[in-house]
């Protein structure tokens, strides 16, 4: 797989702006359509309005093998609310119209891409304002045909860097991840933890030495202290999923309280990126 010269302009602009301001990136994750289409749109706008630097958005999927129970339940809620791929793309288009500059990344599974047809899927991403796609179950060694289709549509292909990856694998990830590198804080599935298992700083430095895209830490990021630790370890930012989705789940019966809880949490997490 040859290295692509493709550069995602929104991610590059975001990381440049944050570096000049001496900040890291805070990137929240939610599942599109959770708990329903209308509230999902309100949730995503709340994330933007309260400090999210970029978005990571999931398509609901019936077998999300990389996700823990919190995000699995989010997929179930969205599917029960009759969320579809077409509705996801329509929602993404409205979010892009709401904010022209924020990077929008998708976290999907390979079957969803293949069901649409690779080229068609990435073209739909481009048409609806998406900047990057991370296929959670497609490692870098299998990613050539996905990256080619992505780049033809001017979409960045993101790959996951596991904490126990070999130097050869890390070199491949650094060479081929675009937009950012999703660096895992630990092995396993997603989930909010009370304590954060940080990879060694030398792992982040190694990715930098290989000329890779900025490394963003994910898995287990559930408190401002975790964000601070990630930034101090050299990560360019932090992604929080389960802790965000928990606040949706905790307030399913009170949508106003749900948005208020999310607004406070996002503000606190973003504040922790300031060095």
Protein backbone atom coordinates (compact mmCIF):
# COMPACT_ATOMS: atom_id res chain seq x y z
CA UNK A 1 0.00 0.00 0.00
CA UNK A 2 1.69 3.17 -1.13
CA UNK A 3 1.50 6.27 0.95
CA UNK A 4 -1.13 8.74 -0.23
CA UNK A 5 -0.41 12.48 -0.42
CA UNK A 6 -4.03 13.22 0.49
CA UNK A 7 -4.42 15.76 3.31
CA UNK A 8 -7.73 16.54 4.99
CA UNK A 9 -7.96 20.31 5.03
CA UNK A 10 -10.40 20.64 7.94
CA UNK A 11 -8.30 18.40 10.22
CA UNK A 12 -5.09 20.19 9.22
CA UNK A 13 -6.67 23.58 9.91
CA UNK A 14 -8.04 22.41 13.27
CA UNK A 15 -4.73 20.99 14.52
CA UNK A 16 -2.88 24.11 13.34
CA UNK A 17 -5.32 26.40 15.13
CA UNK A 18 -5.15 24.39 18.35
CA UNK A 19 -1.36 24.15 18.27
CA UNK A 20 -1.09 27.93 17.91
CA UNK A 21 -3.48 28.32 20.86
CA UNK A 22 -1.52 25.76 22.92
CA UNK A 23 -4.51 23.42 23.16
CA UNK A 24 -5.31 19.83 22.37
CA UNK A 25 -8.39 18.62 20.52
CA UNK A 26 -11.46 17.28 22.26
CA UNK A 27 -13.53 15.00 20.05
CA UNK A 28 -16.80 13.55 21.38
CA UNK A 29 -18.45 10.46 19.88
CA UNK A 30 -22.16 9.73 19.58
CA UNK A 31 -24.19 7.31 17.50
CA UNK A 32 -26.29 8.91 14.78
CA UNK A 33 -30.00 8.57 15.54
CA UNK A 34 -29.61 7.92 19.27
CA UNK A 35 -32.11 8.08 20.90
CA UNK A 36 -34.09 9.22 17.85
CA UNK A 37 -33.44 11.31 14.75
CA UNK A 38 -34.71 14.65 16.07
CA UNK A 39 -32.94 14.43 19.41
CA UNK A 40 -29.76 13.17 17.78
CA UNK A 41 -29.55 16.35 15.72
CA UNK A 42 -30.07 18.47 18.84
CA UNK A 43 -27.37 16.48 20.65
CA UNK A 44 -24.79 16.93 17.91
CA UNK A 45 -25.46 20.68 17.70
CA UNK A 46 -25.03 20.85 21.49
CA UNK A 47 -21.63 19.15 21.20
CA UNK A 48 -20.55 21.71 18.61
CA UNK A 49 -21.89 24.68 20.54
CA UNK A 50 -20.11 23.71 23.77
CA UNK A 51 -16.57 23.24 22.57
CA UNK A 52 -16.13 20.09 20.49
CA UNK A 53 -13.18 20.61 18.16
CA UNK A 54 -14.22 17.76 15.86
CA UNK A 55 -16.91 15.10 15.80
CA UNK A 56 -16.73 11.33 15.65
CA UNK A 57 -20.11 9.93 14.67
CA UNK A 58 -21.16 6.31 14.45
CA UNK A 59 -23.60 4.66 12.10
CA UNK A 60 -25.84 2.37 14.15
CA UNK A 61 -24.89 -1.25 13.51
CA UNK A 62 -26.37 -4.55 14.64
CA UNK A 63 -23.01 -6.13 15.57
CA UNK A 64 -20.60 -3.43 16.80
CA UNK A 65 -17.77 -5.76 17.85
CA UNK A 66 -15.35 -2.98 18.91
CA UNK A 67 -17.86 -1.34 21.21
CA UNK A 68 -18.74 -2.01 24.82
CA UNK A 69 -22.29 -2.25 26.17
CA UNK A 70 -22.94 1.50 26.45
CA UNK A 71 -22.41 2.17 22.75
CA UNK A 72 -24.03 -1.13 21.81
CA UNK A 73 -27.20 0.08 23.52
CA UNK A 74 -26.96 3.36 21.62
CA UNK A 75 -26.98 1.41 18.35
CA UNK A 76 -29.98 -0.58 19.53
CA UNK A 77 -31.90 2.59 20.41
CA UNK A 78 -31.12 4.16 17.03
CA UNK A 79 -32.12 1.04 15.12
CA UNK A 80 -35.33 0.76 17.13
CA UNK A 81 -36.04 4.38 16.16
CA UNK A 82 -35.86 3.25 12.50
CA UNK A 83 -32.55 4.95 11.78
CA UNK A 84 -31.20 4.01 8.34
CA UNK A 85 -28.10 4.72 6.28
CA UNK A 86 -30.08 7.23 4.20
CA UNK A 87 -31.27 9.03 7.34
CA UNK A 88 -27.69 9.08 8.66
CA UNK A 89 -26.41 10.78 5.53
CA UNK A 90 -29.29 13.27 5.55
CA UNK A 91 -28.47 14.13 9.17
CA UNK A 92 -24.79 14.53 8.34
CA UNK A 93 -25.69 16.98 5.59
CA UNK A 94 -27.70 19.09 8.06
CA UNK A 95 -24.83 19.06 10.55
CA UNK A 96 -22.43 20.23 7.87
CA UNK A 97 -24.82 23.02 6.96
CA UNK A 98 -24.94 23.97 10.65
CA UNK A 99 -21.15 24.27 10.87
CA UNK A 100 -18.97 24.59 7.79
CA UNK A 101 -15.59 24.16 9.48
CA UNK A 102 -15.69 21.43 12.13
CA UNK A 103 -14.08 18.15 11.04
CA UNK A 104 -16.63 15.34 10.87
CA UNK A 105 -15.36 11.79 11.17
CA UNK A 106 -17.35 8.59 10.88
CA UNK A 107 -16.75 5.41 12.84
CA UNK A 108 -18.31 2.53 10.94
CA UNK A 109 -17.85 -1.18 10.31
CA UNK A 110 -16.64 -2.68 7.07
CA UNK A 111 -19.93 -4.40 6.30
CA UNK A 112 -21.72 -1.05 6.17
CA UNK A 113 -19.22 0.22 3.61
CA UNK A 114 -19.38 -2.95 1.54
CA UNK A 115 -23.18 -3.04 1.58
CA UNK A 116 -23.23 0.39 -0.07
CA UNK A 117 -20.33 -0.39 -2.37
CA UNK A 118 -16.97 1.12 -1.43
CA UNK A 119 -16.86 3.87 -4.03
CA UNK A 120 -20.52 4.76 -3.56
CA UNK A 121 -20.20 4.90 0.24
CA UNK A 122 -17.24 7.27 0.21
CA UNK A 123 -18.84 9.41 -2.48
CA UNK A 124 -21.92 9.78 -0.28
CA UNK A 125 -19.63 10.78 2.58
CA UNK A 126 -18.10 13.51 0.44
CA UNK A 127 -21.48 14.76 -0.75
CA UNK A 128 -22.72 15.11 2.83
CA UNK A 129 -19.80 16.90 4.44
CA UNK A 130 -17.79 14.05 5.98
CA UNK A 131 -14.02 14.46 6.33
CA UNK A 132 -12.81 11.06 7.51
CA UNK A 133 -13.85 7.45 7.90
CA UNK A 134 -12.53 4.94 10.42
CA UNK A 135 -13.64 1.36 9.79
CA UNK A 136 -13.21 -0.19 13.23
CA UNK A 137 -12.78 -3.76 12.00
CA UNK A 138 -10.42 -3.06 9.09
CA UNK A 139 -6.73 -2.99 10.11
CA UNK A 140 -4.14 -1.09 8.13
CA UNK A 141 -2.82 -4.22 6.42
CA UNK A 142 -6.27 -4.78 4.85
CA UNK A 143 -6.97 -1.14 4.16
CA UNK A 144 -5.56 -0.52 0.68
CA UNK A 145 -8.79 -0.81 -1.29
CA UNK A 146 -10.68 1.23 1.30
CA UNK A 147 -8.10 4.01 1.33
CA UNK A 148 -8.05 4.16 -2.46
CA UNK A 149 -11.83 4.55 -2.60
CA UNK A 150 -11.74 7.11 0.21
CA UNK A 151 -9.09 9.28 -1.38
CA UNK A 152 -10.81 9.20 -4.77
CA UNK A 153 -13.74 10.88 -2.98
CA UNK A 154 -11.39 13.25 -1.06
CA UNK A 155 -12.12 11.50 2.24
CA UNK A 156 -9.38 10.77 4.80
CA UNK A 157 -9.00 7.15 5.90
CA UNK A 158 -8.18 6.78 9.60
CA UNK A 159 -6.60 3.67 11.10
CA UNK A 160 -6.43 2.44 14.69
CA UNK A 161 -3.08 2.11 16.49
CA UNK A 162 -3.34 -0.56 19.21
CA UNK A 163 -1.11 -0.12 22.27
CA UNK A 164 0.60 -3.47 21.61
CA UNK A 165 1.27 -2.94 17.89
CA UNK A 166 4.65 -3.96 16.52
CA UNK A 167 7.02 -1.29 15.16
CA UNK A 168 6.27 -2.51 11.61
CA UNK A 169 2.54 -2.08 12.17
CA UNK A 170 3.04 1.35 13.71
CA UNK A 171 5.12 2.38 10.70
CA UNK A 172 2.29 1.32 8.38
CA UNK A 173 -0.28 3.18 10.47
CA UNK A 174 1.85 6.32 10.52
CA UNK A 175 2.34 6.10 6.75
CA UNK A 176 -1.31 5.58 5.87
CA UNK A 177 -3.55 7.20 8.48
CA UNK A 178 -4.97 10.50 7.28
CA UNK A 179 -6.55 13.27 9.29
CA UNK A 180 -5.49 11.71 12.60
CA UNK A 181 -4.37 8.42 14.11
CA UNK A 182 -6.80 6.79 16.55
CA UNK A 183 -4.47 5.64 19.32
CA UNK A 184 -6.00 3.21 21.80
CA UNK A 185 -5.27 3.73 25.48
CA UNK A 186 -5.77 0.00 26.06
CA UNK A 187 -6.80 -3.22 24.36
CA UNK A 188 -10.42 -4.43 24.40
CA UNK A 189 -13.68 -2.66 23.60
CA UNK A 190 -14.92 0.87 24.23
CA UNK A 191 -16.04 1.87 27.70
CA UNK A 192 -15.69 4.60 30.30
CA UNK A 193 -13.16 3.83 33.04
CA UNK A 194 -12.41 5.47 36.36
CA UNK A 195 -8.68 5.24 35.62
CA UNK A 196 -6.93 5.68 32.32
CA UNK A 197 -4.34 3.26 30.97
CA UNK A 198 -2.04 5.52 28.98
CA UNK A 199 0.34 4.12 26.39
CA UNK A 200 3.98 4.99 26.93
CA UNK A 201 4.92 8.44 25.75
CA UNK A 202 7.52 6.77 23.55
CA UNK A 203 4.71 5.20 21.51
CA UNK A 204 3.27 8.62 20.68
CA UNK A 205 6.77 9.94 19.99
CA UNK A 206 7.47 6.98 17.70
CA UNK A 207 4.38 7.76 15.62
CA UNK A 208 5.52 11.39 15.39
CA UNK A 209 9.01 10.30 14.34
CA UNK A 210 7.48 8.22 11.57
CA UNK A 211 5.80 11.34 10.20
CA UNK A 212 2.29 10.19 11.03
CA UNK A 213 -0.85 12.27 11.33
CA UNK A 214 -1.56 13.65 14.83
CA UNK A 215 -2.30 10.89 17.34
CA UNK A 216 -5.57 11.23 19.25
CA UNK A 217 -6.15 9.03 22.29
CA UNK A 218 -9.38 7.08 22.70
CA UNK A 219 -10.97 4.29 24.80
CA UNK A 220 -11.67 5.01 28.46
CA UNK A 221 -11.58 8.82 28.24
CA UNK A 222 -14.32 9.71 30.71
CA UNK A 223 -13.11 12.65 32.84
CA UNK A 224 -11.22 15.94 32.38
CA UNK A 225 -8.22 14.44 34.16
CA UNK A 226 -8.00 11.76 31.44
CA UNK A 227 -7.93 14.47 28.79
CA UNK A 228 -5.14 16.29 30.63
CA UNK A 229 -3.15 13.08 30.96
CA UNK A 230 -3.53 12.33 27.25
CA UNK A 231 -2.32 15.81 26.26
CA UNK A 232 0.57 15.66 28.73
CA UNK A 233 1.62 12.30 27.24
CA UNK A 234 1.99 14.00 23.88
CA UNK A 235 -1.31 13.15 22.22
CA UNK A 236 -2.78 15.84 19.98
CA UNK A 237 -6.19 15.29 21.51
CA UNK A 238 -8.64 12.90 23.12
CA UNK A 239 -11.82 11.14 22.00
CA UNK A 240 -14.60 10.37 24.46
CA UNK A 241 -17.47 8.09 23.50
CA UNK A 242 -18.98 5.96 26.23
CA UNK A 243 -18.94 8.78 28.80
CA UNK A 244 -20.83 11.02 26.35
CA UNK A 245 -23.34 8.32 25.45
CA UNK A 246 -23.89 7.54 29.14
CA UNK A 247 -25.25 11.07 29.57
CA UNK A 248 -27.72 10.42 26.78
CA UNK A 249 -28.78 7.16 28.38
CA UNK A 250 -29.16 8.69 31.83
CA UNK A 251 -31.66 11.29 30.60
CA UNK A 252 -33.80 9.45 28.07
CA UNK A 253 -36.95 10.63 29.84
CA UNK A 254 -35.90 14.29 30.02
CA UNK A 255 -34.42 15.58 26.78
CA UNK A 256 -33.85 19.09 28.12
CA UNK A 257 -31.81 17.73 31.03
CA UNK A 258 -29.94 15.51 28.57
CA UNK A 259 -28.74 18.49 26.55
CA UNK A 260 -27.82 20.42 29.70
CA UNK A 261 -25.77 17.49 31.01
CA UNK A 262 -23.99 17.10 27.68
CA UNK A 263 -23.26 20.83 27.45
CA UNK A 264 -21.63 20.86 30.89
CA UNK A 265 -19.59 17.72 30.23
CA UNK A 266 -18.31 18.87 26.83
CA UNK A 267 -17.33 22.24 28.27
CA UNK A 268 -15.39 20.62 31.12
CA UNK A 269 -13.62 18.17 28.80
CA UNK A 270 -12.65 20.89 26.33
CA UNK A 271 -11.30 23.09 29.14
CA UNK A 272 -8.96 20.25 30.08
CA UNK A 273 -7.22 20.43 26.68
CA UNK A 274 -5.78 23.86 27.47
CA UNK A 275 -2.11 23.41 28.28
